Amino acid sequence: MDKSFQVEVVYALPQGATVVKAMAEPGNSAQALIQACGILSRHPDIDLAKNKIGVFSRQVKLDYEVKPGERIEIYRPLIADPKEVRKRRAEQAKAKAE
């Protein structure tokens, strides 16, 4: 009896997402599937030491054991610090009010 199952590995960019379907075995880690599915060769800018990953928008570690039907998401680094953006907006709103 074959216990393999399908998962998706996703990397989204502003111009579109790359979705790769991969076959996994029980006990496979997210890192192993990301490396085996070929998405790293399509997107050499992905660095698993820097890029965070998740499953259905919930951050997980690289050694996370993938379950049937899950979607492994590779997140891009933030280009702006959210705290700094909020601070700038608040300063602009304050300046307009004066």
N, C-alpha and C. Protein backbone atom coordinates (compact mmCIF):
# COMPACT_ATOMS: atom_id res chain seq x y z
N MET A 1 0.84 -1.18 0.00
CA MET A 1 0.00 0.00 0.00
C MET A 1 0.89 1.25 0.00
N ASP A 2 0.64 2.15 -0.96
CA ASP A 2 1.42 3.38 -1.10
C ASP A 2 0.89 4.42 -0.13
N LYS A 3 1.76 4.94 0.73
CA LYS A 3 1.35 5.93 1.73
C LYS A 3 1.72 7.35 1.32
N SER A 4 2.20 7.53 0.08
CA SER A 4 2.59 8.87 -0.34
C SER A 4 1.34 9.74 -0.54
N PHE A 5 1.56 11.04 -0.42
CA PHE A 5 0.46 11.99 -0.57
C PHE A 5 0.97 13.25 -1.24
N GLN A 6 0.06 14.06 -1.73
CA GLN A 6 0.43 15.26 -2.47
C GLN A 6 0.36 16.50 -1.58
N VAL A 7 1.33 17.39 -1.77
CA VAL A 7 1.34 18.71 -1.12
C VAL A 7 1.72 19.74 -2.19
N GLU A 8 1.52 21.00 -1.86
CA GLU A 8 1.94 22.07 -2.76
C GLU A 8 3.04 22.88 -2.08
N VAL A 9 3.98 23.36 -2.89
CA VAL A 9 5.01 24.28 -2.43
C VAL A 9 4.79 25.57 -3.22
N VAL A 10 4.66 26.70 -2.50
CA VAL A 10 4.29 27.97 -3.14
C VAL A 10 5.31 29.05 -2.80
N TYR A 11 5.66 29.83 -3.82
CA TYR A 11 6.50 31.02 -3.63
C TYR A 11 5.85 32.14 -4.42
N ALA A 12 5.39 33.17 -3.73
CA ALA A 12 4.67 34.26 -4.38
C ALA A 12 5.55 35.48 -4.58
N LEU A 13 5.46 36.04 -5.75
CA LEU A 13 6.15 37.27 -6.10
C LEU A 13 5.10 38.28 -6.56
N PRO A 14 5.42 39.56 -6.62
CA PRO A 14 4.43 40.55 -7.06
C PRO A 14 3.84 40.25 -8.44
N GLN A 15 4.63 39.66 -9.33
CA GLN A 15 4.15 39.39 -10.68
C GLN A 15 3.45 38.04 -10.82
N GLY A 16 3.38 37.26 -9.75
CA GLY A 16 2.69 35.97 -9.80
C GLY A 16 3.34 34.95 -8.89
N ALA A 17 2.62 33.87 -8.67
CA ALA A 17 3.09 32.83 -7.77
C ALA A 17 3.55 31.60 -8.54
N THR A 18 4.54 30.92 -8.00
CA THR A 18 4.96 29.62 -8.51
C THR A 18 4.39 28.57 -7.57
N VAL A 19 3.60 27.66 -8.12
CA VAL A 19 2.99 26.59 -7.34
C VAL A 19 3.51 25.27 -7.90
N VAL A 20 4.14 24.48 -7.04
CA VAL A 20 4.68 23.18 -7.46
C VAL A 20 4.00 22.10 -6.63
N LYS A 21 3.44 21.12 -7.32
CA LYS A 21 2.85 19.98 -6.62
C LYS A 21 3.96 18.95 -6.40
N ALA A 22 4.01 18.39 -5.20
CA ALA A 22 5.06 17.43 -4.87
C ALA A 22 4.46 16.25 -4.14
N MET A 23 5.06 15.10 -4.33
CA MET A 23 4.64 13.90 -3.62
C MET A 23 5.50 13.76 -2.37
N ALA A 24 4.85 13.50 -1.25
CA ALA A 24 5.55 13.39 0.02
C ALA A 24 5.28 12.03 0.64
N GLU A 25 6.15 11.63 1.52
CA GLU A 25 6.00 10.40 2.30
C GLU A 25 5.80 10.80 3.75
N PRO A 26 5.12 9.99 4.53
CA PRO A 26 5.01 10.30 5.97
C PRO A 26 6.40 10.51 6.57
N GLY A 27 6.55 11.56 7.35
CA GLY A 27 7.83 11.86 7.98
C GLY A 27 8.68 12.85 7.22
N ASN A 28 8.29 13.20 5.96
CA ASN A 28 9.06 14.19 5.20
C ASN A 28 8.99 15.56 5.87
N SER A 29 10.13 16.25 5.90
CA SER A 29 10.15 17.60 6.45
C SER A 29 9.83 18.61 5.35
N ALA A 30 9.41 19.79 5.76
CA ALA A 30 9.13 20.86 4.80
C ALA A 30 10.39 21.18 4.00
N GLN A 31 11.53 21.22 4.67
CA GLN A 31 12.78 21.53 3.99
C GLN A 31 13.10 20.49 2.92
N ALA A 32 12.93 19.23 3.23
CA ALA A 32 13.22 18.17 2.26
C ALA A 32 12.34 18.31 1.02
N LEU A 33 11.07 18.63 1.22
CA LEU A 33 10.17 18.79 0.07
C LEU A 33 10.50 20.02 -0.75
N ILE A 34 10.85 21.11 -0.07
CA ILE A 34 11.22 22.33 -0.80
C ILE A 34 12.45 22.04 -1.66
N GLN A 35 13.42 21.34 -1.12
CA GLN A 35 14.64 21.04 -1.87
C GLN A 35 14.38 20.04 -2.99
N ALA A 36 13.47 19.10 -2.79
CA ALA A 36 13.23 18.05 -3.78
C ALA A 36 12.31 18.49 -4.92
N CYS A 37 11.45 19.47 -4.69
CA CYS A 37 10.42 19.79 -5.69
C CYS A 37 10.93 20.63 -6.86
N GLY A 38 12.12 21.22 -6.75
CA GLY A 38 12.69 21.99 -7.86
C GLY A 38 12.42 23.48 -7.81
N ILE A 39 11.72 23.96 -6.82
CA ILE A 39 11.40 25.39 -6.75
C ILE A 39 12.65 26.24 -6.50
N LEU A 40 13.65 25.67 -5.82
CA LEU A 40 14.89 26.43 -5.55
C LEU A 40 15.67 26.70 -6.84
N SER A 41 15.61 25.79 -7.81
CA SER A 41 16.30 26.04 -9.07
C SER A 41 15.55 27.07 -9.92
N ARG A 42 14.23 27.15 -9.76
CA ARG A 42 13.44 28.16 -10.48
C ARG A 42 13.62 29.55 -9.88
N HIS A 43 13.86 29.59 -8.57
CA HIS A 43 13.99 30.87 -7.85
C HIS A 43 15.27 30.85 -7.01
N PRO A 44 16.42 31.12 -7.64
CA PRO A 44 17.69 31.07 -6.89
C PRO A 44 17.79 32.12 -5.79
N ASP A 45 16.86 33.10 -5.77
CA ASP A 45 16.87 34.12 -4.72
C ASP A 45 16.37 33.57 -3.38
N ILE A 46 15.76 32.40 -3.39
CA ILE A 46 15.28 31.79 -2.14
C ILE A 46 16.48 31.28 -1.35
N ASP A 47 16.58 31.72 -0.11
CA ASP A 47 17.63 31.26 0.80
C ASP A 47 16.93 30.74 2.05
N LEU A 48 16.89 29.43 2.22
CA LEU A 48 16.15 28.86 3.35
C LEU A 48 16.74 29.24 4.70
N ALA A 49 17.96 29.76 4.71
CA ALA A 49 18.54 30.25 5.95
C ALA A 49 17.95 31.61 6.33
N LYS A 50 17.39 32.33 5.33
CA LYS A 50 16.83 33.66 5.57
C LYS A 50 15.31 33.69 5.40
N ASN A 51 14.80 33.06 4.34
CA ASN A 51 13.36 33.09 4.08
C ASN A 51 12.63 32.23 5.10
N LYS A 52 11.57 32.77 5.64
CA LYS A 52 10.74 32.00 6.57
C LYS A 52 9.76 31.18 5.74
N ILE A 53 9.26 30.09 6.34
CA ILE A 53 8.27 29.26 5.65
C ILE A 53 7.05 29.09 6.55
N GLY A 54 5.97 28.65 5.94
CA GLY A 54 4.76 28.41 6.71
C GLY A 54 3.87 27.39 6.02
N VAL A 55 2.82 27.01 6.72
CA VAL A 55 1.80 26.12 6.18
C VAL A 55 0.46 26.80 6.40
N PHE A 56 -0.23 27.11 5.30
CA PHE A 56 -1.51 27.81 5.37
C PHE A 56 -1.42 29.06 6.25
N SER A 57 -0.45 29.92 5.98
CA SER A 57 -0.25 31.21 6.65
C SER A 57 0.20 31.11 8.11
N ARG A 58 0.59 29.94 8.56
CA ARG A 58 1.08 29.75 9.93
C ARG A 58 2.56 29.39 9.83
N GLN A 59 3.41 30.23 10.43
CA GLN A 59 4.85 30.00 10.32
C GLN A 59 5.25 28.69 10.99
N VAL A 60 6.12 27.93 10.30
CA VAL A 60 6.64 26.67 10.83
C VAL A 60 8.15 26.64 10.62
N LYS A 61 8.81 25.70 11.29
CA LYS A 61 10.26 25.52 11.15
C LYS A 61 10.53 24.59 9.97
N LEU A 62 11.77 24.61 9.49
CA LEU A 62 12.14 23.78 8.34
C LEU A 62 11.97 22.29 8.61
N ASP A 63 12.08 21.87 9.88
CA ASP A 63 11.95 20.44 10.18
C ASP A 63 10.50 20.01 10.42
N TYR A 64 9.54 20.90 10.13
CA TYR A 64 8.12 20.59 10.29
C TYR A 64 7.76 19.37 9.45
N GLU A 65 7.05 18.42 10.04
CA GLU A 65 6.63 17.21 9.33
C GLU A 65 5.33 17.50 8.55
N VAL A 66 5.43 17.43 7.24
CA VAL A 66 4.31 17.79 6.36
C VAL A 66 3.23 16.71 6.39
N LYS A 67 1.98 17.20 6.34
CA LYS A 67 0.81 16.30 6.36
C LYS A 67 0.08 16.35 5.03
N PRO A 68 -0.72 15.35 4.72
CA PRO A 68 -1.42 15.30 3.43
C PRO A 68 -2.24 16.56 3.15
N GLY A 69 -2.13 17.04 1.92
CA GLY A 69 -2.92 18.17 1.45
C GLY A 69 -2.44 19.54 1.87
N GLU A 70 -1.34 19.63 2.59
CA GLU A 70 -0.88 20.93 3.07
C GLU A 70 -0.20 21.72 1.95
N ARG A 71 -0.15 23.04 2.17
CA ARG A 71 0.52 23.95 1.24
C ARG A 71 1.69 24.59 1.99
N ILE A 72 2.90 24.31 1.54
CA ILE A 72 4.10 24.89 2.14
C ILE A 72 4.35 26.21 1.43
N GLU A 73 4.41 27.29 2.20
CA GLU A 73 4.60 28.62 1.64
C GLU A 73 5.98 29.14 2.01
N ILE A 74 6.67 29.67 1.02
CA ILE A 74 7.98 30.27 1.25
C ILE A 74 7.76 31.78 1.22
N TYR A 75 8.07 32.45 2.32
CA TYR A 75 7.81 33.88 2.45
C TYR A 75 9.02 34.70 2.02
N ARG A 76 8.74 35.81 1.35
CA ARG A 76 9.80 36.76 0.97
C ARG A 76 10.11 37.64 2.17
N PRO A 77 11.33 38.15 2.27
CA PRO A 77 11.66 39.07 3.37
C PRO A 77 10.85 40.36 3.23
N LEU A 78 10.55 40.99 4.35
CA LEU A 78 9.85 42.28 4.32
C LEU A 78 10.77 43.34 3.72
N ILE A 79 10.19 44.22 2.90
CA ILE A 79 11.01 45.29 2.32
C ILE A 79 10.94 46.55 3.17
N ALA A 80 9.96 46.61 4.07
CA ALA A 80 9.84 47.76 4.97
C ALA A 80 9.44 47.24 6.35
N ASP A 81 9.99 47.88 7.37
CA ASP A 81 9.65 47.51 8.74
C ASP A 81 8.25 48.03 9.05
N PRO A 82 7.29 47.16 9.39
CA PRO A 82 5.92 47.60 9.65
C PRO A 82 5.81 48.67 10.73
N LYS A 83 6.66 48.60 11.75
CA LYS A 83 6.64 49.62 12.81
C LYS A 83 7.03 50.99 12.27
N GLU A 84 8.05 51.01 11.43
CA GLU A 84 8.49 52.28 10.84
C GLU A 84 7.42 52.86 9.92
N VAL A 85 6.74 52.02 9.16
CA VAL A 85 5.68 52.48 8.26
C VAL A 85 4.55 53.11 9.07
N ARG A 86 4.13 52.45 10.15
CA ARG A 86 3.06 53.00 11.00
C ARG A 86 3.50 54.32 11.63
N LYS A 87 4.75 54.38 12.07
CA LYS A 87 5.28 55.60 12.69
C LYS A 87 5.25 56.76 11.70
N ARG A 88 5.68 56.49 10.46
CA ARG A 88 5.68 57.52 9.42
C ARG A 88 4.26 58.01 9.12
N ARG A 89 3.31 57.06 9.02
CA ARG A 89 1.91 57.44 8.77
C ARG A 89 1.37 58.31 9.90
N ALA A 90 1.66 57.94 11.13
CA ALA A 90 1.19 58.72 12.28
C ALA A 90 1.77 60.14 12.25
N GLU A 91 3.05 60.26 11.91
CA GLU A 91 3.68 61.57 11.82
C GLU A 91 3.05 62.41 10.71
N GLN A 92 2.74 61.78 9.57
CA GLN A 92 2.11 62.50 8.47
C GLN A 92 0.71 62.95 8.86
N ALA A 93 -0.05 62.08 9.54
CA ALA A 93 -1.40 62.44 9.97
C ALA A 93 -1.36 63.58 10.97
N LYS A 94 -0.39 63.56 11.86
CA LYS A 94 -0.24 64.62 12.87
C LYS A 94 0.11 65.94 12.18
N ALA A 95 0.99 65.90 11.18
CA ALA A 95 1.38 67.10 10.45
C ALA A 95 0.20 67.70 9.70
N LYS A 96 -0.67 66.86 9.16
CA LYS A 96 -1.87 67.35 8.44
C LYS A 96 -2.85 67.99 9.39
N ALA A 97 -2.96 67.45 10.59
CA ALA A 97 -3.91 67.96 11.60
C ALA A 97 -3.50 69.33 12.13
N GLU A 98 -2.23 69.64 12.06
CA GLU A 98 -1.74 70.93 12.61
C GLU A 98 -1.99 72.08 11.69
